[in-house]
C-alpha atoms as a PDB file:
ATOM      1  CA  UNK A   1      -0.052 -22.758 -21.661  1.00  0.00           C
ATOM      2  CA  UNK A   2       3.063 -20.875 -20.525  1.00  0.00           C
ATOM      3  CA  UNK A   3       5.566 -21.982 -17.908  1.00  0.00           C
ATOM      4  CA  UNK A   4       6.993 -19.675 -15.265  1.00  0.00           C
ATOM      5  CA  UNK A   5       9.773 -20.883 -13.000  1.00  0.00           C
ATOM      6  CA  UNK A   6      10.264 -20.208  -9.332  1.00  0.00           C
ATOM      7  CA  UNK A   7      13.547 -18.467 -10.173  1.00  0.00           C
ATOM      8  CA  UNK A   8      11.778 -15.990 -12.439  1.00  0.00           C
ATOM      9  CA  UNK A   9       9.399 -15.097  -9.620  1.00  0.00           C
ATOM     10  CA  UNK A  10      12.171 -14.867  -7.009  1.00  0.00           C
ATOM     11  CA  UNK A  11      14.308 -12.611  -9.211  1.00  0.00           C
ATOM     12  CA  UNK A  12      11.327 -10.360  -9.944  1.00  0.00           C
ATOM     13  CA  UNK A  13      10.450 -10.009  -6.260  1.00  0.00           C
ATOM     14  CA  UNK A  14      14.055  -9.163  -5.339  1.00  0.00           C
ATOM     15  CA  UNK A  15      14.045  -6.381  -7.932  1.00  0.00           C
ATOM     16  CA  UNK A  16      10.733  -4.983  -6.644  1.00  0.00           C
ATOM     17  CA  UNK A  17      11.793  -5.083  -2.978  1.00  0.00           C
ATOM     18  CA  UNK A  18      15.025  -3.159  -3.552  1.00  0.00           C
ATOM     19  CA  UNK A  19      13.453  -0.577  -5.870  1.00  0.00           C
ATOM     20  CA  UNK A  20      10.505   0.055  -3.568  1.00  0.00           C
ATOM     21  CA  UNK A  21      12.656   0.518  -0.474  1.00  0.00           C
ATOM     22  CA  UNK A  22      15.362   2.688  -2.059  1.00  0.00           C
ATOM     23  CA  UNK A  23      13.739   4.710  -4.838  1.00  0.00           C
ATOM     24  CA  UNK A  24      10.690   6.943  -4.575  1.00  0.00           C
ATOM     25  CA  UNK A  25       8.477   6.831  -7.642  1.00  0.00           C
ATOM     26  CA  UNK A  26       9.024   9.749 -10.083  1.00  0.00           C
ATOM     27  CA  UNK A  27       5.269  10.314 -10.258  1.00  0.00           C
ATOM     28  CA  UNK A  28       5.198  10.660  -6.483  1.00  0.00           C
ATOM     29  CA  UNK A  29       8.073  13.171  -6.495  1.00  0.00           C
ATOM     30  CA  UNK A  30       6.014  15.194  -8.975  1.00  0.00           C
ATOM     31  CA  UNK A  31       3.018  15.014  -6.613  1.00  0.00           C
ATOM     32  CA  UNK A  32       5.122  16.338  -3.733  1.00  0.00           C
ATOM     33  CA  UNK A  33       6.386  19.230  -5.822  1.00  0.00           C
ATOM     34  CA  UNK A  34       2.801  20.100  -6.783  1.00  0.00           C
ATOM     35  CA  UNK A  35       1.795  19.819  -3.119  1.00  0.00           C
ATOM     36  CA  UNK A  36       4.429  22.359  -2.085  1.00  0.00           C
ATOM     37  CA  UNK A  37       2.676  24.902  -4.300  1.00  0.00           C
ATOM     38  CA  UNK A  38      -0.690  24.102  -2.706  1.00  0.00           C
ATOM     39  CA  UNK A  39       0.482  23.904   0.915  1.00  0.00           C
ATOM     40  CA  UNK A  40      -0.343  27.099   2.842  1.00  0.00           C
ATOM     41  CA  UNK A  41       1.735  26.307   5.915  1.00  0.00           C
ATOM     42  CA  UNK A  42       5.396  27.313   5.742  1.00  0.00           C
ATOM     43  CA  UNK A  43       6.256  24.446   8.085  1.00  0.00           C
ATOM     44  CA  UNK A  44       4.317  22.106   5.818  1.00  0.00           C
ATOM     45  CA  UNK A  45       6.213  23.365   2.772  1.00  0.00           C
ATOM     46  CA  UNK A  46       9.559  22.729   4.491  1.00  0.00           C
ATOM     47  CA  UNK A  47       8.501  19.199   5.446  1.00  0.00           C
ATOM     48  CA  UNK A  48       7.497  18.405   1.864  1.00  0.00           C
ATOM     49  CA  UNK A  49      10.846  19.752   0.674  1.00  0.00           C
ATOM     50  CA  UNK A  50      12.608  17.538   3.226  1.00  0.00           C
ATOM     51  CA  UNK A  51      10.664  14.499   1.989  1.00  0.00           C
ATOM     52  CA  UNK A  52      11.967  15.168  -1.526  1.00  0.00           C
ATOM     53  CA  UNK A  53      15.498  15.682  -0.196  1.00  0.00           C
ATOM     54  CA  UNK A  54      15.278  12.408   1.738  1.00  0.00           C
ATOM     55  CA  UNK A  55      14.283  10.613  -1.467  1.00  0.00           C
ATOM     56  CA  UNK A  56      17.246  12.104  -3.336  1.00  0.00           C
ATOM     57  CA  UNK A  57      19.668  11.024  -0.590  1.00  0.00           C
ATOM     58  CA  UNK A  58      18.227   7.499  -0.567  1.00  0.00           C
ATOM     59  CA  UNK A  59      18.464   7.196  -4.341  1.00  0.00           C
ATOM     60  CA  UNK A  60      21.993   8.604  -4.656  1.00  0.00           C
ATOM     61  CA  UNK A  61      23.477   6.852  -1.645  1.00  0.00           C
ATOM     62  CA  UNK A  62      21.533   3.592  -1.913  1.00  0.00           C
ATOM     63  CA  UNK A  63      19.958   3.970   1.506  1.00  0.00           C
ATOM     64  CA  UNK A  64      16.432   2.853   2.456  1.00  0.00           C
ATOM     65  CA  UNK A  65      13.858   5.654   2.328  1.00  0.00           C
ATOM     66  CA  UNK A  66      12.865   4.844   5.919  1.00  0.00           C
ATOM     67  CA  UNK A  67      14.231   2.814   8.831  1.00  0.00           C
ATOM     68  CA  UNK A  68      10.921   0.901   8.920  1.00  0.00           C
ATOM     69  CA  UNK A  69      11.274  -1.230   5.808  1.00  0.00           C
ATOM     70  CA  UNK A  70       7.910  -2.766   6.587  1.00  0.00           C
ATOM     71  CA  UNK A  71       5.999  -5.952   6.045  1.00  0.00           C
ATOM     72  CA  UNK A  72       6.108  -7.243   2.470  1.00  0.00           C
ATOM     73  CA  UNK A  73       2.708  -7.300   0.796  1.00  0.00           C
ATOM     74  CA  UNK A  74       2.403  -8.934  -2.632  1.00  0.00           C
ATOM     75  CA  UNK A  75      -0.641  -9.032  -4.884  1.00  0.00           C
ATOM     76  CA  UNK A  76      -0.103 -11.692  -7.560  1.00  0.00           C
ATOM     77  CA  UNK A  77      -2.440 -11.479 -10.545  1.00  0.00           C
ATOM     78  CA  UNK A  78      -1.942 -14.877 -12.179  1.00  0.00           C
ATOM     79  CA  UNK A  79      -3.050 -15.586 -15.748  1.00  0.00           C
ATOM     80  CA  UNK A  80      -5.147 -18.735 -16.018  1.00  0.00           C
ATOM     81  CA  UNK A  81      -2.953 -19.978 -18.875  1.00  0.00           C
ATOM     82  CA  UNK A  82       0.157 -20.053 -16.678  1.00  0.00           C
ATOM     83  CA  UNK A  83       1.726 -23.252 -15.382  1.00  0.00           C
ATOM     84  CA  UNK A  84       4.289 -23.040 -12.586  1.00  0.00           C
ATOM     85  CA  UNK A  85       7.280 -25.228 -13.332  1.00  0.00           C
ATOM     86  CA  UNK A  86       8.002 -27.674 -10.488  1.00  0.00           C
ATOM     87  CA  UNK A  87      10.890 -26.684  -8.257  1.00  0.00           C
ATOM     88  CA  UNK A  88      11.016 -29.950  -6.340  1.00  0.00           C
ATOM     89  CA  UNK A  89      10.669 -28.769  -2.741  1.00  0.00           C
ATOM     90  CA  UNK A  90       7.051 -29.863  -2.239  1.00  0.00           C
ATOM     91  CA  UNK A  91       5.782 -26.370  -1.408  1.00  0.00           C
ATOM     92  CA  UNK A  92       3.607 -24.039  -3.457  1.00  0.00           C
ATOM     93  CA  UNK A  93       5.969 -22.748  -6.122  1.00  0.00           C
ATOM     94  CA  UNK A  94       4.402 -19.283  -6.122  1.00  0.00           C
ATOM     95  CA  UNK A  95       4.469 -18.822  -2.336  1.00  0.00           C
ATOM     96  CA  UNK A  96       7.923 -20.308  -1.799  1.00  0.00           C
ATOM     97  CA  UNK A  97       9.429 -18.331  -4.688  1.00  0.00           C
ATOM     98  CA  UNK A  98       7.956 -15.063  -3.406  1.00  0.00           C
ATOM     99  CA  UNK A  99       9.181 -15.674   0.139  1.00  0.00           C
ATOM    100  CA  UNK A 100      12.634 -16.630  -1.177  1.00  0.00           C
ATOM    101  CA  UNK A 101      12.802 -13.327  -3.065  1.00  0.00           C
ATOM    102  CA  UNK A 102      11.729 -11.349   0.004  1.00  0.00           C
ATOM    103  CA  UNK A 103      14.170 -13.180   2.274  1.00  0.00           C
ATOM    104  CA  UNK A 104      17.182 -12.786  -0.011  1.00  0.00           C
ATOM    105  CA  UNK A 105      16.525  -9.107  -0.788  1.00  0.00           C
ATOM    106  CA  UNK A 106      16.061  -8.122   2.867  1.00  0.00           C
ATOM    107  CA  UNK A 107      19.233  -9.936   3.914  1.00  0.00           C
ATOM    108  CA  UNK A 108      21.410  -8.895   0.957  1.00  0.00           C
ATOM    109  CA  UNK A 109      19.997  -5.350   0.888  1.00  0.00           C
ATOM    110  CA  UNK A 110      20.551  -4.801   4.639  1.00  0.00           C
ATOM    111  CA  UNK A 111      16.886  -3.903   5.123  1.00  0.00           C
ATOM    112  CA  UNK A 112      15.392  -4.021   8.616  1.00  0.00           C
ATOM    113  CA  UNK A 113      13.589  -7.282   9.336  1.00  0.00           C
ATOM    114  CA  UNK A 114      10.248  -6.573  10.985  1.00  0.00           C
ATOM    115  CA  UNK A 115       8.308  -9.860  10.961  1.00  0.00           C
ATOM    116  CA  UNK A 116       7.914 -12.011  14.086  1.00  0.00           C
ATOM    117  CA  UNK A 117       7.074 -15.703  13.829  1.00  0.00           C
ATOM    118  CA  UNK A 118       4.148 -15.533  16.255  1.00  0.00           C
ATOM    119  CA  UNK A 119       1.991 -12.634  17.507  1.00  0.00           C
ATOM    120  CA  UNK A 120       2.782 -13.531  21.138  1.00  0.00           C
ATOM    121  CA  UNK A 121       6.294 -14.942  21.425  1.00  0.00           C
ATOM    122  CA  UNK A 122       7.566 -12.057  19.197  1.00  0.00           C
ATOM    123  CA  UNK A 123      10.648 -13.926  17.906  1.00  0.00           C
ATOM    124  CA  UNK A 124      11.973 -12.242  14.772  1.00  0.00           C
ATOM    125  CA  UNK A 125      12.161 -14.462  11.666  1.00  0.00           C
ATOM    126  CA  UNK A 126      15.325 -12.520  10.657  1.00  0.00           C
ATOM    127  CA  UNK A 127      14.468 -12.389   6.951  1.00  0.00           C
ATOM    128  CA  UNK A 128      11.145 -10.477   6.880  1.00  0.00           C
ATOM    129  CA  UNK A 129       9.162 -13.546   5.849  1.00  0.00           C
ATOM    130  CA  UNK A 130       6.539 -14.756   5.519  1.00  0.00           C
ATOM    131  CA  UNK A 131       5.207 -12.150   3.110  1.00  0.00           C
ATOM    132  CA  UNK A 132       1.531 -11.192   3.041  1.00  0.00           C
ATOM    133  CA  UNK A 133       0.493 -12.751  -0.275  1.00  0.00           C
ATOM    134  CA  UNK A 134      -2.801 -12.287  -2.113  1.00  0.00           C
ATOM    135  CA  UNK A 135      -3.512 -14.057  -5.410  1.00  0.00           C
ATOM    136  CA  UNK A 136      -6.113 -13.397  -8.071  1.00  0.00           C
ATOM    137  CA  UNK A 137      -6.714 -15.477 -11.176  1.00  0.00           C
ATOM    138  CA  UNK A 138      -7.006 -13.373 -14.328  1.00  0.00           C
ATOM    139  CA  UNK A 139      -7.249 -14.102 -18.051  1.00  0.00           C
ATOM    140  CA  UNK A 140      -4.224 -14.598 -20.282  1.00  0.00           C
ATOM    141  CA  UNK A 141      -0.699 -15.998 -19.942  1.00  0.00           C
ATOM    142  CA  UNK A 142       0.932 -13.162 -17.986  1.00  0.00           C
ATOM    143  CA  UNK A 143       1.444 -12.623 -14.285  1.00  0.00           C
ATOM    144  CA  UNK A 144       1.544  -9.201 -12.639  1.00  0.00           C
ATOM    145  CA  UNK A 145       3.281  -8.905  -9.282  1.00  0.00           C
ATOM    146  CA  UNK A 146       2.536  -5.775  -7.252  1.00  0.00           C
ATOM    147  CA  UNK A 147       4.762  -5.254  -4.227  1.00  0.00           C
ATOM    148  CA  UNK A 148       4.213  -2.908  -1.290  1.00  0.00           C
ATOM    149  CA  UNK A 149       6.303  -2.518   1.839  1.00  0.00           C
ATOM    150  CA  UNK A 150       3.973  -1.471   4.642  1.00  0.00           C
ATOM    151  CA  UNK A 151       5.361   0.196   7.758  1.00  0.00           C
ATOM    152  CA  UNK A 152       3.879  -0.317  11.216  1.00  0.00           C
ATOM    153  CA  UNK A 153       3.009   3.323  11.825  1.00  0.00           C
ATOM    154  CA  UNK A 154       0.554   3.522   8.943  1.00  0.00           C
ATOM    155  CA  UNK A 155      -0.738  -0.063   9.121  1.00  0.00           C
ATOM    156  CA  UNK A 156      -1.581   0.357  12.803  1.00  0.00           C
ATOM    157  CA  UNK A 157      -3.968   3.186  11.915  1.00  0.00           C
ATOM    158  CA  UNK A 158      -6.150   0.936   9.737  1.00  0.00           C
ATOM    159  CA  UNK A 159      -9.772   0.441  10.765  1.00  0.00           C
ATOM    160  CA  UNK A 160     -12.815  -1.532   9.645  1.00  0.00           C
ATOM    161  CA  UNK A 161     -16.413  -1.001  10.646  1.00  0.00           C
ATOM    162  CA  UNK A 162     -19.640  -2.614   9.512  1.00  0.00           C
ATOM    163  CA  UNK A 163     -22.136   0.223   9.314  1.00  0.00           C
ATOM    164  CA  UNK A 164     -25.901  -0.048   9.077  1.00  0.00           C
ATOM    165  CA  UNK A 165     -27.063   0.498   5.473  1.00  0.00           C
ATOM    166  CA  UNK A 166     -28.953   3.573   6.694  1.00  0.00           C
ATOM    167  CA  UNK A 167     -25.590   5.279   7.297  1.00  0.00           C
ATOM    168  CA  UNK A 168     -25.329   5.622   3.535  1.00  0.00           C
ATOM    169  CA  UNK A 169     -22.680   7.437   1.556  1.00  0.00           C
ATOM    170  CA  UNK A 170     -22.312  10.224   4.096  1.00  0.00           C
ATOM    171  CA  UNK A 171     -21.764   7.753   6.933  1.00  0.00           C
ATOM    172  CA  UNK A 172     -19.022   6.010   4.974  1.00  0.00           C
ATOM    173  CA  UNK A 173     -17.314   9.297   4.127  1.00  0.00           C
ATOM    174  CA  UNK A 174     -17.426  10.478   7.729  1.00  0.00           C
ATOM    175  CA  UNK A 175     -15.871   7.222   8.940  1.00  0.00           C
ATOM    176  CA  UNK A 176     -13.020   7.589   6.425  1.00  0.00           C
ATOM    177  CA  UNK A 177     -12.322  11.219   7.304  1.00  0.00           C
ATOM    178  CA  UNK A 178     -12.509  10.537  11.062  1.00  0.00           C
ATOM    179  CA  UNK A 179     -10.104   7.605  10.709  1.00  0.00           C
ATOM    180  CA  UNK A 180      -7.487   9.698   8.934  1.00  0.00           C
ATOM    181  CA  UNK A 181      -7.927  12.675  11.262  1.00  0.00           C
ATOM    182  CA  UNK A 182      -7.660  10.535  14.394  1.00  0.00           C
ATOM    183  CA  UNK A 183      -4.540   8.851  13.012  1.00  0.00           C
ATOM    184  CA  UNK A 184      -2.970  12.329  12.940  1.00  0.00           C
ATOM    185  CA  UNK A 185       0.848  12.134  12.721  1.00  0.00           C
ATOM    186  CA  UNK A 186       1.179   8.359  13.314  1.00  0.00           C
ATOM    187  CA  UNK A 187       1.117   7.273   9.638  1.00  0.00           C
ATOM    188  CA  UNK A 188       3.601  10.007   8.584  1.00  0.00           C
ATOM    189  CA  UNK A 189       1.372  12.242   6.460  1.00  0.00           C
ATOM    190  CA  UNK A 190       0.743  13.329   3.802  1.00  0.00           C
ATOM    191  CA  UNK A 191      -0.813   9.903   3.384  1.00  0.00           C
ATOM    192  CA  UNK A 192      -2.377   7.693   0.786  1.00  0.00           C
ATOM    193  CA  UNK A 193      -5.778   6.340   1.761  1.00  0.00           C
ATOM    194  CA  UNK A 194      -7.180   3.026   0.546  1.00  0.00           C
ATOM    195  CA  UNK A 195     -10.914   2.566   1.114  1.00  0.00           C
ATOM    196  CA  UNK A 196     -12.872  -0.666   0.738  1.00  0.00           C
ATOM    197  CA  UNK A 197     -16.665  -0.572   0.682  1.00  0.00           C
ATOM    198  CA  UNK A 198     -18.927  -3.611   0.543  1.00  0.00           C
ATOM    199  CA  UNK A 199     -18.285  -7.331   0.510  1.00  0.00           C
ATOM    200  CA  UNK A 200     -18.075  -8.933   3.950  1.00  0.00           C
ATOM    201  CA  UNK A 201     -15.605  -8.554   6.829  1.00  0.00           C
ATOM    202  CA  UNK A 202     -12.469  -9.885   5.141  1.00  0.00           C
ATOM    203  CA  UNK A 203     -13.399  -8.828   1.595  1.00  0.00           C
ATOM    204  CA  UNK A 204     -13.794  -5.229   2.734  1.00  0.00           C
ATOM    205  CA  UNK A 205     -10.311  -5.140   4.286  1.00  0.00           C
ATOM    206  CA  UNK A 206      -8.877  -6.778   1.166  1.00  0.00           C
ATOM    207  CA  UNK A 207     -10.472  -4.085  -1.010  1.00  0.00           C
ATOM    208  CA  UNK A 208      -8.915  -1.313   1.083  1.00  0.00           C
ATOM    209  CA  UNK A 209      -5.438  -2.805   0.648  1.00  0.00           C
ATOM    210  CA  UNK A 210      -6.055  -3.459  -3.045  1.00  0.00           C
ATOM    211  CA  UNK A 211      -7.029   0.185  -3.499  1.00  0.00           C
ATOM    212  CA  UNK A 212      -3.541   1.183  -2.339  1.00  0.00           C
ATOM    213  CA  UNK A 213      -2.002  -1.030  -5.022  1.00  0.00           C
ATOM    214  CA  UNK A 214      -3.374   1.204  -7.752  1.00  0.00           C
ATOM    215  CA  UNK A 215      -1.177   3.631  -9.668  1.00  0.00           C
ATOM    216  CA  UNK A 216      -0.767   7.011  -7.975  1.00  0.00           C
ATOM    217  CA  UNK A 217      -2.798   8.864 -10.615  1.00  0.00           C
ATOM    218  CA  UNK A 218      -5.217   6.019 -11.363  1.00  0.00           C
ATOM    219  CA  UNK A 219      -8.818   6.906 -10.500  1.00  0.00           C
ATOM    220  CA  UNK A 220     -11.682   4.464 -10.062  1.00  0.00           C
ATOM    221  CA  UNK A 221     -13.162   3.877 -13.559  1.00  0.00           C
ATOM    222  CA  UNK A 222     -16.687   4.234 -12.131  1.00  0.00           C
ATOM    223  CA  UNK A 223     -17.563   7.984 -12.187  1.00  0.00           C
ATOM    224  CA  UNK A 224     -19.493   7.676  -8.913  1.00  0.00           C
ATOM    225  CA  UNK A 225     -16.474   6.330  -7.028  1.00  0.00           C
ATOM    226  CA  UNK A 226     -14.052   8.651  -8.832  1.00  0.00           C
ATOM    227  CA  UNK A 227     -16.113  11.587  -7.542  1.00  0.00           C
ATOM    228  CA  UNK A 228     -16.185  10.003  -4.075  1.00  0.00           C
ATOM    229  CA  UNK A 229     -12.380   9.807  -4.125  1.00  0.00           C
ATOM    230  CA  UNK A 230     -12.099  13.498  -4.982  1.00  0.00           C
ATOM    231  CA  UNK A 231     -14.571  14.543  -2.305  1.00  0.00           C
ATOM    232  CA  UNK A 232     -12.830  12.454   0.366  1.00  0.00           C
ATOM    233  CA  UNK A 233      -9.450  13.926  -0.566  1.00  0.00           C
ATOM    234  CA  UNK A 234     -10.853  17.438  -0.253  1.00  0.00           C
ATOM    235  CA  UNK A 235     -12.465  16.701   3.119  1.00  0.00           C
ATOM    236  CA  UNK A 236      -9.338  15.029   4.511  1.00  0.00           C
ATOM    237  CA  UNK A 237      -7.186  17.974   3.472  1.00  0.00           C
ATOM    238  CA  UNK A 238      -9.539  20.285   5.326  1.00  0.00           C
ATOM    239  CA  UNK A 239      -8.857  18.519   8.639  1.00  0.00           C
ATOM    240  CA  UNK A 240      -5.701  20.590   9.091  1.00  0.00           C
ATOM    241  CA  UNK A 241      -3.489  17.661  10.123  1.00  0.00           C
ATOM    242  CA  UNK A 242      -0.940  18.610   7.466  1.00  0.00           C
ATOM    243  CA  UNK A 243       2.503  17.178   6.633  1.00  0.00           C
ATOM    244  CA  UNK A 244       3.833  15.061   9.512  1.00  0.00           C
ATOM    245  CA  UNK A 245       0.944  16.284  11.673  1.00  0.00           C
ATOM    246  CA  UNK A 246       2.328  19.800  12.123  1.00  0.00           C
ATOM    247  CA  UNK A 247      -0.699  21.441  10.533  1.00  0.00           C
ATOM    248  CA  UNK A 248      -1.384  22.470   6.961  1.00  0.00           C
ATOM    249  CA  UNK A 249      -3.511  21.920   3.906  1.00  0.00           C
ATOM    250  CA  UNK A 250      -1.923  18.723   2.516  1.00  0.00           C
ATOM    251  CA  UNK A 251      -2.853  15.818   4.792  1.00  0.00           C
ATOM    252  CA  UNK A 252      -3.361  13.297   1.970  1.00  0.00           C
ATOM    253  CA  UNK A 253      -1.982  12.963  -1.542  1.00  0.00           C
ATOM    254  CA  UNK A 254      -4.637  10.602  -2.878  1.00  0.00           C
ATOM    255  CA  UNK A 255      -7.680   8.564  -1.885  1.00  0.00           C
ATOM    256  CA  UNK A 256      -8.522   5.357  -3.759  1.00  0.00           C
ATOM    257  CA  UNK A 257     -11.837   3.549  -3.324  1.00  0.00           C
ATOM    258  CA  UNK A 258     -12.738  -0.034  -4.274  1.00  0.00           C
ATOM    259  CA  UNK A 259     -16.280  -1.374  -3.937  1.00  0.00           C
ATOM    260  CA  UNK A 260     -18.001  -4.772  -4.040  1.00  0.00           C
ATOM    261  CA  UNK A 261     -21.593  -6.073  -3.653  1.00  0.00           C
ATOM    262  CA  UNK A 262     -22.690  -6.753  -0.073  1.00  0.00           C
ATOM    263  CA  UNK A 263     -25.494  -8.190   2.088  1.00  0.00           C
ATOM    264  CA  UNK A 264     -28.743  -6.227   2.338  1.00  0.00           C
ATOM    265  CA  UNK A 265     -28.229  -5.798   6.099  1.00  0.00           C
ATOM    266  CA  UNK A 266     -24.613  -4.597   5.934  1.00  0.00           C
ATOM    267  CA  UNK A 267     -22.513  -1.657   4.799  1.00  0.00           C
ATOM    268  CA  UNK A 268     -18.876  -2.623   5.548  1.00  0.00           C
ATOM    269  CA  UNK A 269     -16.165   0.017   5.170  1.00  0.00           C
ATOM    270  CA  UNK A 270     -12.419  -0.400   5.712  1.00  0.00           C
ATOM    271  CA  UNK A 271      -9.668   2.214   5.693  1.00  0.00           C
ATOM    272  CA  UNK A 272      -6.036   1.279   5.042  1.00  0.00           C
ATOM    273  CA  UNK A 273      -3.581   4.171   5.311  1.00  0.00           C
ATOM    274  CA  UNK A 274      -0.134   4.297   3.724  1.00  0.00           C
ATOM    275  CA  UNK A 275       2.687   6.713   4.561  1.00  0.00           C
ATOM    276  CA  UNK A 276       3.921   9.495   2.289  1.00  0.00           C
ATOM    277  CA  UNK A 277       6.588   7.291   0.663  1.00  0.00           C
ATOM    278  CA  UNK A 278       3.885   4.917  -0.629  1.00  0.00           C
ATOM    279  CA  UNK A 279       6.574   2.334  -1.416  1.00  0.00           C
ATOM    280  CA  UNK A 280       5.136   0.068  -4.083  1.00  0.00           C
ATOM    281  CA  UNK A 281       6.311  -1.251  -7.437  1.00  0.00           C
ATOM    282  CA  UNK A 282       4.994  -3.717 -10.014  1.00  0.00           C
ATOM    283  CA  UNK A 283       6.309  -6.002 -12.727  1.00  0.00           C
ATOM    284  CA  UNK A 284       4.742  -8.222 -15.392  1.00  0.00           C
ATOM    285  CA  UNK A 285       6.178 -11.675 -16.155  1.00  0.00           C
END
């Protein structure tokens, strides 16, 4: 067994929060540069160039990439050989340590706090907590923390629908393409699209968010779903929405699909859209 302290988790989360909000991933910058070559719209090309310029300004001046520094989403993949060392406050060590890291980084990093304590009284918690935390138990004695900051514009465009099985593959693809096209400029395209297929109501939505946590160039290992990802990307880029909704050939940078077994009477599909900055980082403890 291996012990991990709450401080280790808090320090790791603080590092991820700051890096994700201030520094665009190098692999993503490369994707934007490649997209400029593919984009047929001159306006679209200029927007992609401005996105790169914005990233350079943020990195050099230590400014957030966007004024909407989002809700904090953390996927914690916890090795089954890990023991969390007691921190004495009576709460879950993992949850409290993550929230402490989010709180301290948003306050110390002067990041906008966007979380309200209740959906109806709308009182701001003033430290961007609680975070949206998902845990999975995995083999081994390591823990991987994947952090994403999710802005309201893209999250608000997310949809889930339980189709009839007769809708089949084509029905699922059409729902995904329609969702992205109808979102238009709201999620700040070119976007990243996470798709969950199968499971039940909540599992399907979870899969769509998990799909976004994948590496930018990481395809589904199943050839069927890898081909589905490519076809969806091609179809989405034919919608003409383009960068920031001004028209063009690059509406999405990538589509990631995750699937799970489901009931014989159901075909759930969820779409979770992320903005062009796709602000996510990961660390292994």
